[in-house]
Each structure stands twice: as C-alpha cells, then as structure tokens.
Amino acid sequence: MKAEFYGCSVSRLSHSSRHVTPAVSAPHYEGAAYSDLGSSDGPPRNWKGIGIAMVVILAVMSLVILSVVILTPDESHLLLRSHLTMEDLESDEFKVHDPCAAWLNNNEVAMRTREGHVLTFTLNNNITTTLLDNSSLDLTSAKFQVSADKRFVLLAYNIRPVFSQSFTASYAIYSVANGDLLELSPAERETTELQYASWGPQGNQLAFVFDGDIYYKPSVASNPLRLTSTDEDQKVVNGLSDWTYEEEVLLTYAAHWWSMDGARLAYLRINNSATPVMEVPHFLGGLYPSNMIFPYPKAGSSIPSVSLLVVNLYGPAHTLEMLPPDSLRARENYISMVNWISSTRLAVRWLNRAQNQSVLCVCEATTGACSEVSGCR
C-alpha cells in the first residue's frame, strides 16, 4: 500500500508544483493521513470505570430484589386452600352465626352464643343469665324457644326443611331447674317428628302441629289435648301455612295466633282438596331423584279454601269460625292478616282472588261475628 500511496502522492504533486520533490512531500503526507485516521477513533475508553458502574448497578438491583422477596408475605398456604369443597361449606367457619334473639318481655332478650349457650340478657341492668349450657347438648344446629316463665327451653333438632321457611323436626323440652329432657310428641306416639311447636304467652303452655292437627298442652307436665281432627285422606292443614300461604300470602310458616292472655288460639284451616298438585323432582345425590308433590294453584285453577277459627283453651274446648264479610263469603278469597287487638277481638283482612278488593274486619272471638271496618278496591 505504501508504494501505491507514494505513487499517487507523487503524481498529484507533480501536477501541482514542480519545486516539491516526492522524497520530501511523501513522508509529510503520510503522517497527515495517519493523523486523520486516528482522530476518527476518539479517546480511549475507561473500561475500569464501566466495570465498577456495572457492579454497583447489579448490587443495587440485587438488594431491591432481595428486599421484595423478604418483605412479601408467604401466601403459599392460601394457595393450598384455594379450592373449596362441600365439607368446607358445611363447616362452622363458613356459617354465619345466628343468635336467634327473641324478646321474652319488654326488658329481657333470649339469645344463643356462637358456642351454643342459651342466655338471657336484661337491658336495664346488663345482667346475663345462662339458661342452657352447651357442654352437655349440641345446640349449634338446633332451634330454641324460651317459655314465658323462663323455666323451660323448647329445642328443635333433626331439622328437615320443606319450603323456604317450613320444616319438620324432633322437639324436646329442657328443664332449666334440673336439666331434664322431655320429648314432645302426641299421646299416641312416644317419639316422632312434628310439623311445628311453640310456647304460649302465659306460663309454659304450648301448642304443636302433627299430621295437620293442632295439639295443646296447658303446661309441660300435662297431657296433650287434640284441638282439631282431620281425616288422613283430606288435604287439610290446621294452624300452618301451605305452599301458597307460606310463599305468597302470609309469608310465614305458622298460621296460628295466641291471644294476649293465652286463653284463646286463632288458627287457619286451609283445604287443598280442589287445588291441583305440582310434582317437583329433588336431586339428592342418588341415582334417581325423589319427587315432592304439593298443592300448587295456577291461573284459572282452584285456590285453597281458607277459614279462620278460634278455640277457647280455658275450660272446655269450644271452637268458633269467624265469618267472612258478605261481599266475599260466596267467592274465592284469601286471609292475608290476623292480629289480636284485645283478649276477645281480632283484626282480620280478607282479599278476593284477584286481590283488587281488600276488606278489614273486627271479629268477636266469643260469637264469631265480624263487622266490616273498611274496604278498598
């Protein structure tokens, strides 16, 4: 390359100036050319500084990552339990505590703790009294009611739901004084499932429903007295709501009401003899479903016929029917409200089937006569 470079330089200089010889100009031009080529590379790089900077950056990043790892909580145990099972849903951890609080009087409330103890709480002095200890009985899945005199606790267990609010259950009466348990059942049965049971407003009187009939006990120690009598073939229930009244009319399961002094019991008699039935399959885990059959009125079909009766509980049992208003007596109707306004008088509301006519009456429990108070269309 030198030979070619010198040759090129000599030829150019020979044309431009005759006084400069190739021997003198060639070395000077060669140095200039090398100087220009070297200037394009720039100053030498500081590799040592670059290495130190990289080490510092890596150290800082390592510290940040280590801090994140150390400060992040360990949630691996949550991942292991992320899948819910049916056993989890049935456990107490996933259940909402229901204290089943109920007023005993204007100053006392009965309630159940999360552990299952039944307590009474007095409002004016903040005193708590234990009525039933869960150490000997499992009350976490039982329903309870306290008698008016607070001497007994009615327990419902082996609860089997029917509709949204209704259920069947076995009942036992717990004595607060000595802890004895007495099974509640009709006289002809030793133990059985009942449709419903509840205390009366006085002492420890109670009523229960079995096979559609109402039974009454003046006290825990007395024998049950049968207040109604229904043939097995009849589709009649006394003192309880059927599907129509439970879901659409009264919105409660119980369809009986105690007078304030406990001397009388008002109740509905619901007859579904002419009501068509609905058959609904229940899939309970077996190979084949079980079918539930119950009266279910639809548009154009017959609705259950209903009547309101009052039975006298003190002395000989005497039952009277409260007569509906004349405008609804010969037509299909509902009873949508019953409320005692004194020990012998009731407020009752009747509706026609279309539910565009409402009649409010006051009924005398001693005679069965009902006088219309107001009506609206």
Protein backbone atom coordinates (compact mmCIF):
# COMPACT_ATOMS: atom_id res chain seq x y z
CA MET A 1 0.00 0.00 0.00
CA LYS A 2 2.92 2.35 0.58
CA ALA A 3 4.08 2.01 -2.95
CA GLU A 4 0.64 2.83 -4.31
CA PHE A 5 0.21 5.67 -1.78
CA TYR A 6 3.55 7.25 -2.70
CA GLY A 7 2.84 6.86 -6.36
CA CYS A 8 -0.47 8.61 -6.05
CA SER A 9 1.08 11.41 -4.00
CA VAL A 10 3.89 11.93 -6.45
CA SER A 11 1.58 12.12 -9.40
CA ARG A 12 -0.64 14.71 -7.72
CA LEU A 13 2.24 16.85 -6.53
CA SER A 14 3.94 16.68 -9.83
CA HIS A 15 0.97 18.36 -11.40
CA SER A 16 0.52 20.99 -8.78
CA SER A 17 4.14 22.05 -8.05
CA ARG A 18 7.36 21.23 -9.70
CA HIS A 19 9.54 22.53 -6.86
CA VAL A 20 8.47 19.89 -4.30
CA THR A 21 10.19 16.57 -4.71
CA PRO A 22 8.48 13.27 -3.96
CA ALA A 23 11.08 12.41 -1.32
CA VAL A 24 10.18 15.42 0.80
CA SER A 25 6.39 15.52 0.36
CA ALA A 26 5.66 11.84 0.74
CA PRO A 27 6.62 11.47 4.41
CA HIS A 28 4.72 14.63 5.36
CA TYR A 29 1.56 13.46 3.59
CA GLU A 30 1.79 10.03 5.08
CA GLY A 31 1.88 11.42 8.62
CA ALA A 32 -1.09 13.65 7.97
CA ALA A 33 -3.08 10.77 6.60
CA TYR A 34 -2.34 8.63 9.66
CA SER A 35 -3.25 11.54 11.93
CA ASP A 36 -6.71 11.88 10.34
CA LEU A 37 -7.42 8.18 10.57
CA GLY A 38 -6.51 8.12 14.28
CA SER A 39 -8.75 11.08 15.14
CA SER A 40 -11.87 9.23 13.96
CA ASP A 41 -11.46 6.59 16.76
CA GLY A 42 -11.85 9.16 19.64
CA PRO A 43 -10.19 8.97 23.08
CA PRO A 44 -9.57 5.53 24.61
CA ARG A 45 -12.49 4.06 26.71
CA ASN A 46 -12.31 3.82 30.53
CA TRP A 47 -13.07 0.15 30.88
CA LYS A 48 -12.30 0.11 34.57
CA GLY A 49 -14.91 2.78 35.35
CA ILE A 50 -17.50 0.99 33.24
CA GLY A 51 -16.86 -2.23 35.12
CA ILE A 52 -17.26 -0.53 38.51
CA ALA A 53 -20.54 1.10 37.43
CA MET A 54 -21.93 -2.25 36.27
CA VAL A 55 -21.01 -3.87 39.58
CA VAL A 56 -22.77 -1.06 41.51
CA ILE A 57 -25.92 -1.37 39.37
CA LEU A 58 -26.03 -5.13 39.84
CA ALA A 59 -25.57 -4.74 43.58
CA VAL A 60 -28.43 -2.23 43.85
CA MET A 61 -30.75 -4.46 41.78
CA SER A 62 -29.86 -7.45 43.94
CA LEU A 63 -30.71 -5.51 47.09
CA VAL A 64 -34.07 -4.43 45.66
CA ILE A 65 -34.98 -7.98 44.63
CA LEU A 66 -33.88 -9.36 48.00
CA SER A 67 -35.99 -6.77 49.84
CA VAL A 68 -39.07 -7.67 47.79
CA VAL A 69 -38.59 -11.38 48.47
CA ILE A 70 -38.07 -10.87 52.20
CA LEU A 71 -40.93 -8.38 52.76
CA THR A 72 -43.54 -10.21 50.65
CA PRO A 73 -45.76 -12.36 52.97
CA ASP A 74 -45.83 -16.07 52.40
CA GLU A 75 -49.19 -16.94 50.83
CA SER A 76 -48.37 -20.46 49.82
CA HIS A 77 -50.75 -21.80 52.49
CA LEU A 78 -53.54 -19.81 50.87
CA LEU A 79 -52.84 -21.41 47.52
CA LEU A 80 -53.05 -24.84 49.08
CA ARG A 81 -56.53 -23.99 50.41
CA SER A 82 -57.81 -22.12 47.38
CA HIS A 83 -60.14 -24.95 46.32
CA LEU A 84 -63.40 -25.10 48.29
CA THR A 85 -65.07 -28.40 48.99
CA MET A 86 -68.56 -29.30 50.19
CA GLU A 87 -67.05 -30.16 53.56
CA ASP A 88 -65.71 -26.59 53.79
CA LEU A 89 -69.13 -25.10 53.09
CA GLU A 90 -70.70 -27.25 55.82
CA SER A 91 -68.09 -26.33 58.41
CA ASP A 92 -68.68 -23.71 61.12
CA GLU A 93 -66.02 -21.47 59.57
CA PHE A 94 -68.28 -20.69 56.61
CA LYS A 95 -71.51 -20.31 58.58
CA VAL A 96 -72.95 -17.01 59.76
CA HIS A 97 -73.76 -17.04 63.45
CA ASP A 98 -77.49 -16.71 64.08
CA PRO A 99 -78.17 -15.68 67.69
CA CYS A 100 -81.90 -16.47 67.30
CA ALA A 101 -82.61 -13.45 69.51
CA ALA A 102 -86.17 -13.23 70.81
CA TRP A 103 -87.91 -10.89 73.24
CA LEU A 104 -89.11 -12.51 76.46
CA ASN A 105 -90.69 -9.29 77.70
CA ASN A 106 -90.11 -5.55 77.41
CA ASN A 107 -86.82 -5.80 79.30
CA GLU A 108 -85.33 -9.24 78.53
CA VAL A 109 -83.93 -10.88 75.42
CA ALA A 110 -83.02 -14.54 74.91
CA MET A 111 -80.15 -15.33 72.58
CA ARG A 112 -77.72 -18.06 71.60
CA THR A 113 -73.94 -17.56 71.60
CA ARG A 114 -71.64 -18.84 68.89
CA GLU A 115 -70.67 -21.71 71.19
CA GLY A 116 -74.32 -22.73 71.54
CA HIS A 117 -75.13 -21.47 75.04
CA VAL A 118 -78.64 -20.06 75.54
CA LEU A 119 -78.59 -16.85 77.58
CA THR A 120 -81.00 -14.19 78.77
CA PHE A 121 -79.92 -10.57 78.80
CA THR A 122 -81.62 -7.95 80.96
CA LEU A 123 -81.46 -4.49 79.41
CA ASN A 124 -81.90 -2.19 82.39
CA ASN A 125 -79.02 -3.68 84.44
CA ASN A 126 -76.92 -5.53 81.80
CA ILE A 127 -77.18 -8.85 83.64
CA THR A 128 -76.64 -12.05 81.66
CA THR A 129 -78.05 -15.36 82.88
CA THR A 130 -77.30 -18.79 81.41
CA LEU A 131 -80.40 -20.88 80.80
CA LEU A 132 -78.83 -23.76 78.93
CA ASP A 133 -75.17 -24.76 78.76
CA ASN A 134 -73.86 -26.31 75.57
CA SER A 135 -71.41 -28.52 77.45
CA SER A 136 -73.87 -31.42 77.54
CA LEU A 137 -76.02 -30.67 74.48
CA ASP A 138 -75.01 -29.75 70.94
CA LEU A 139 -77.16 -26.69 70.24
CA THR A 140 -75.23 -25.20 67.33
CA SER A 141 -77.65 -26.65 64.77
CA ALA A 142 -80.81 -26.60 66.91
CA LYS A 143 -83.56 -24.01 67.18
CA PHE A 144 -84.74 -22.91 70.60
CA GLN A 145 -87.61 -21.08 72.28
CA VAL A 146 -87.84 -20.00 75.93
CA SER A 147 -91.12 -20.37 77.78
CA ALA A 148 -92.83 -17.29 79.15
CA ASP A 149 -91.93 -18.19 82.74
CA LYS A 150 -88.30 -18.96 81.69
CA ARG A 151 -88.44 -22.37 83.36
CA PHE A 152 -88.17 -24.40 80.15
CA VAL A 153 -86.45 -24.25 76.76
CA LEU A 154 -88.04 -25.86 73.71
CA LEU A 155 -85.41 -27.38 71.39
CA ALA A 156 -85.96 -28.35 67.76
CA TYR A 157 -83.38 -30.75 66.32
CA ASN A 158 -83.06 -33.11 63.34
CA ILE A 159 -84.46 -30.24 61.30
CA ARG A 160 -85.57 -31.10 57.76
CA PRO A 161 -86.53 -28.13 55.54
CA VAL A 162 -89.71 -28.35 53.47
CA PHE A 163 -90.10 -25.00 51.69
CA SER A 164 -88.33 -21.68 52.24
CA GLN A 165 -89.43 -21.35 55.89
CA SER A 166 -91.24 -24.54 56.78
CA PHE A 167 -89.57 -27.59 58.29
CA THR A 168 -90.20 -30.73 60.27
CA ALA A 169 -88.19 -31.52 63.40
CA SER A 170 -87.98 -33.52 66.60
CA TYR A 171 -88.70 -31.48 69.72
CA ALA A 172 -87.51 -31.79 73.31
CA ILE A 173 -88.27 -29.71 76.39
CA TYR A 174 -85.30 -28.81 78.60
CA SER A 175 -85.85 -28.01 82.27
CA VAL A 176 -83.72 -25.10 83.44
CA ALA A 177 -84.01 -26.17 87.08
CA ASN A 178 -82.67 -29.73 86.85
CA GLY A 179 -81.50 -30.20 83.24
CA ASP A 180 -84.02 -32.94 82.41
CA LEU A 181 -85.10 -33.51 78.81
CA LEU A 182 -88.65 -34.46 77.84
CA GLU A 183 -89.53 -35.48 74.29
CA LEU A 184 -92.55 -33.67 72.86
CA SER A 185 -94.98 -35.87 70.93
CA PRO A 186 -98.69 -36.73 70.70
CA ALA A 187 -100.11 -39.10 73.27
CA GLU A 188 -100.32 -41.94 70.75
CA ARG A 189 -96.64 -41.63 69.81
CA GLU A 190 -93.57 -41.88 72.01
CA THR A 191 -91.21 -40.05 69.67
CA THR A 192 -91.99 -38.53 66.32
CA GLU A 193 -91.25 -35.60 64.03
CA LEU A 194 -93.58 -32.65 64.39
CA GLN A 195 -94.51 -30.02 61.86
CA TYR A 196 -94.28 -27.16 64.35
CA ALA A 197 -94.28 -26.34 68.08
CA SER A 198 -94.30 -23.09 70.05
CA TRP A 199 -94.87 -21.72 73.55
CA GLY A 200 -97.93 -19.76 74.57
CA PRO A 201 -97.79 -16.28 76.13
CA GLN A 202 -98.52 -17.49 79.67
CA GLY A 203 -96.52 -19.82 81.91
CA ASN A 204 -95.32 -22.85 79.97
CA GLN A 205 -98.38 -23.62 77.87
CA LEU A 206 -97.56 -24.76 74.35
CA ALA A 207 -99.13 -25.95 71.12
CA PHE A 208 -97.78 -28.17 68.37
CA VAL A 209 -98.93 -29.47 64.99
CA PHE A 210 -98.70 -33.12 63.95
CA ASP A 211 -100.15 -34.54 60.71
CA GLY A 212 -102.08 -31.33 60.11
CA ASP A 213 -103.78 -31.28 63.53
CA ILE A 214 -103.20 -28.94 66.48
CA TYR A 215 -102.41 -30.26 69.96
CA TYR A 216 -102.40 -28.18 73.13
CA LYS A 217 -100.63 -28.64 76.49
CA PRO A 218 -101.71 -26.32 79.34
CA SER A 219 -98.31 -27.00 80.93
CA VAL A 220 -95.26 -29.13 80.33
CA ALA A 221 -96.43 -31.71 82.88
CA SER A 222 -99.94 -32.07 81.41
CA ASN A 223 -101.06 -34.44 78.67
CA PRO A 224 -101.59 -33.03 75.16
CA LEU A 225 -105.15 -32.22 74.15
CA ARG A 226 -106.11 -32.63 70.49
CA LEU A 227 -107.89 -29.48 69.28
CA THR A 228 -108.62 -30.45 65.64
CA SER A 229 -109.46 -33.67 63.87
CA THR A 230 -108.67 -34.22 60.21
CA ASP A 231 -109.07 -37.35 58.12
CA GLU A 232 -105.89 -38.66 56.56
CA ASP A 233 -107.43 -38.57 53.08
CA GLN A 234 -108.29 -34.88 53.35
CA LYS A 235 -105.74 -32.37 52.15
CA VAL A 236 -106.32 -30.11 55.13
CA VAL A 237 -103.80 -28.47 57.45
CA ASN A 238 -104.65 -26.61 60.64
CA GLY A 239 -102.54 -23.85 62.15
CA LEU A 240 -99.84 -23.92 59.46
CA SER A 241 -99.39 -22.40 56.02
CA ASP A 242 -99.40 -24.49 52.88
CA TRP A 243 -97.14 -23.57 49.96
CA THR A 244 -99.47 -20.80 48.73
CA TYR A 245 -99.81 -19.06 52.09
CA GLU A 246 -96.18 -19.52 53.07
CA GLU A 247 -94.73 -18.14 49.84
CA GLU A 248 -97.38 -15.73 48.59
CA VAL A 249 -99.86 -14.61 51.26
CA LEU A 250 -98.75 -14.72 54.93
CA LEU A 251 -95.04 -15.19 54.18
CA THR A 252 -94.73 -17.19 57.42
CA TYR A 253 -94.95 -20.87 58.27
CA ALA A 254 -97.01 -20.58 61.43
CA ALA A 255 -100.68 -19.79 60.79
CA HIS A 256 -101.96 -19.61 64.38
CA TRP A 257 -102.06 -16.72 66.82
CA TRP A 258 -102.32 -16.70 70.63
CA SER A 259 -104.49 -14.19 72.43
CA MET A 260 -102.65 -11.90 74.82
CA ASP A 261 -103.85 -13.73 77.93
CA GLY A 262 -103.28 -17.18 76.42
CA ALA A 263 -106.96 -18.06 76.79
CA ARG A 264 -107.68 -18.45 73.07
CA LEU A 265 -105.90 -19.64 69.95
CA ALA A 266 -106.86 -18.42 66.48
CA TYR A 267 -105.78 -20.52 63.53
CA LEU A 268 -106.32 -21.01 59.81
CA ARG A 269 -107.79 -24.16 58.32
CA ILE A 270 -106.50 -24.49 54.77
CA ASN A 271 -108.21 -27.01 52.50
CA ASN A 272 -106.48 -28.03 49.26
CA SER A 273 -108.89 -30.75 48.20
CA ALA A 274 -109.70 -28.95 44.94
CA THR A 275 -106.23 -27.50 44.31
CA PRO A 276 -104.15 -29.12 41.55
CA VAL A 277 -100.83 -30.55 42.62
CA MET A 278 -97.30 -29.90 41.39
CA GLU A 279 -94.64 -32.62 41.18
CA VAL A 280 -91.06 -31.39 41.58
CA PRO A 281 -88.04 -33.74 41.38
CA HIS A 282 -85.41 -33.46 44.11
CA PHE A 283 -81.87 -34.49 43.22
CA LEU A 284 -80.27 -35.59 46.48
CA GLY A 285 -77.22 -37.48 45.21
CA GLY A 286 -78.80 -40.84 44.42
CA LEU A 287 -79.20 -42.48 41.04
CA TYR A 288 -82.81 -41.36 40.82
CA PRO A 289 -84.46 -38.19 42.13
CA SER A 290 -87.21 -38.20 44.72
CA ASN A 291 -90.42 -36.37 43.86
CA MET A 292 -92.14 -33.79 46.06
CA ILE A 293 -95.88 -33.41 45.44
CA PHE A 294 -97.72 -30.41 46.87
CA PRO A 295 -100.81 -28.29 46.02
CA TYR A 296 -99.89 -25.50 43.62
CA PRO A 297 -102.62 -23.27 42.17
CA LYS A 298 -102.09 -21.67 38.77
CA ALA A 299 -104.09 -19.09 36.84
CA GLY A 300 -107.59 -20.43 36.22
CA SER A 301 -107.31 -23.33 38.68
CA SER A 302 -108.85 -23.60 42.14
CA ILE A 303 -107.06 -21.92 45.04
CA PRO A 304 -107.09 -23.36 48.58
CA SER A 305 -110.19 -22.57 50.58
CA VAL A 306 -109.46 -20.99 53.94
CA SER A 307 -111.36 -20.38 57.16
CA LEU A 308 -110.41 -18.67 60.41
CA LEU A 309 -111.34 -20.39 63.68
CA VAL A 310 -110.84 -19.54 67.35
CA VAL A 311 -110.67 -22.18 70.06
CA ASN A 312 -111.21 -21.47 73.76
CA LEU A 313 -108.33 -23.02 75.75
CA TYR A 314 -109.51 -22.31 79.31
CA GLY A 315 -112.27 -24.69 80.29
CA PRO A 316 -114.00 -26.96 77.77
CA ALA A 317 -112.53 -26.55 74.30
CA HIS A 318 -115.02 -24.63 72.20
CA THR A 319 -114.29 -23.63 68.59
CA LEU A 320 -115.97 -20.85 66.59
CA GLU A 321 -115.46 -19.86 62.95
CA MET A 322 -115.04 -16.17 62.16
CA LEU A 323 -117.47 -15.39 59.35
CA PRO A 324 -116.03 -13.53 56.32
CA PRO A 325 -117.75 -10.34 55.04
CA ASP A 326 -120.84 -10.76 52.89
CA SER A 327 -119.11 -9.40 49.78
CA LEU A 328 -116.56 -12.25 49.86
CA ARG A 329 -118.47 -15.06 51.53
CA ALA A 330 -119.55 -16.78 48.31
CA ARG A 331 -116.34 -16.08 46.37
CA GLU A 332 -112.81 -17.41 46.46
CA ASN A 333 -110.79 -15.36 48.93
CA TYR A 334 -107.60 -15.14 50.94
CA ILE A 335 -106.97 -14.21 54.57
CA SER A 336 -103.86 -12.02 54.48
CA MET A 337 -103.69 -10.75 58.10
CA VAL A 338 -104.82 -11.84 61.57
CA ASN A 339 -103.99 -9.83 64.69
CA TRP A 340 -105.38 -9.83 68.23
CA ILE A 341 -106.40 -6.33 69.34
CA SER A 342 -107.74 -7.49 72.72
CA SER A 343 -108.24 -10.76 74.54
CA THR A 344 -111.56 -11.35 72.71
CA ARG A 345 -111.33 -9.37 69.45
CA LEU A 346 -109.31 -9.84 66.28
CA ALA A 347 -108.50 -7.67 63.29
CA VAL A 348 -108.77 -9.73 60.09
CA ARG A 349 -108.16 -8.75 56.48
CA TRP A 350 -109.78 -10.63 53.60
CA LEU A 351 -108.81 -10.35 49.92
CA ASN A 352 -110.71 -11.50 46.87
CA ARG A 353 -108.92 -13.82 44.46
CA ALA A 354 -108.00 -11.03 42.03
CA GLN A 355 -106.59 -9.14 45.05
CA ASN A 356 -108.17 -5.89 43.90
CA GLN A 357 -110.63 -5.79 46.82
CA SER A 358 -109.50 -5.71 50.45
CA VAL A 359 -111.87 -5.83 53.43
CA LEU A 360 -110.73 -5.19 57.01
CA CYS A 361 -112.97 -6.56 59.74
CA VAL A 362 -113.06 -6.74 63.52
CA CYS A 363 -114.20 -10.18 64.69
CA GLU A 364 -115.61 -11.09 68.09
CA ALA A 365 -113.97 -14.33 69.25
CA THR A 366 -116.86 -15.07 71.62
CA THR A 367 -119.57 -15.01 68.91
CA GLY A 368 -117.76 -15.35 65.56
CA ALA A 369 -119.41 -12.20 64.19
CA CYS A 370 -117.20 -9.93 62.07
CA SER A 371 -118.07 -6.29 61.37
CA GLU A 372 -116.54 -4.57 58.37
CA VAL A 373 -114.35 -1.62 59.33
CA SER A 374 -113.13 -0.53 55.91
CA GLY A 375 -112.89 -1.79 52.38
CA CYS A 376 -110.97 -0.65 49.37
CA ARG A 377 -110.93 -1.51 45.70
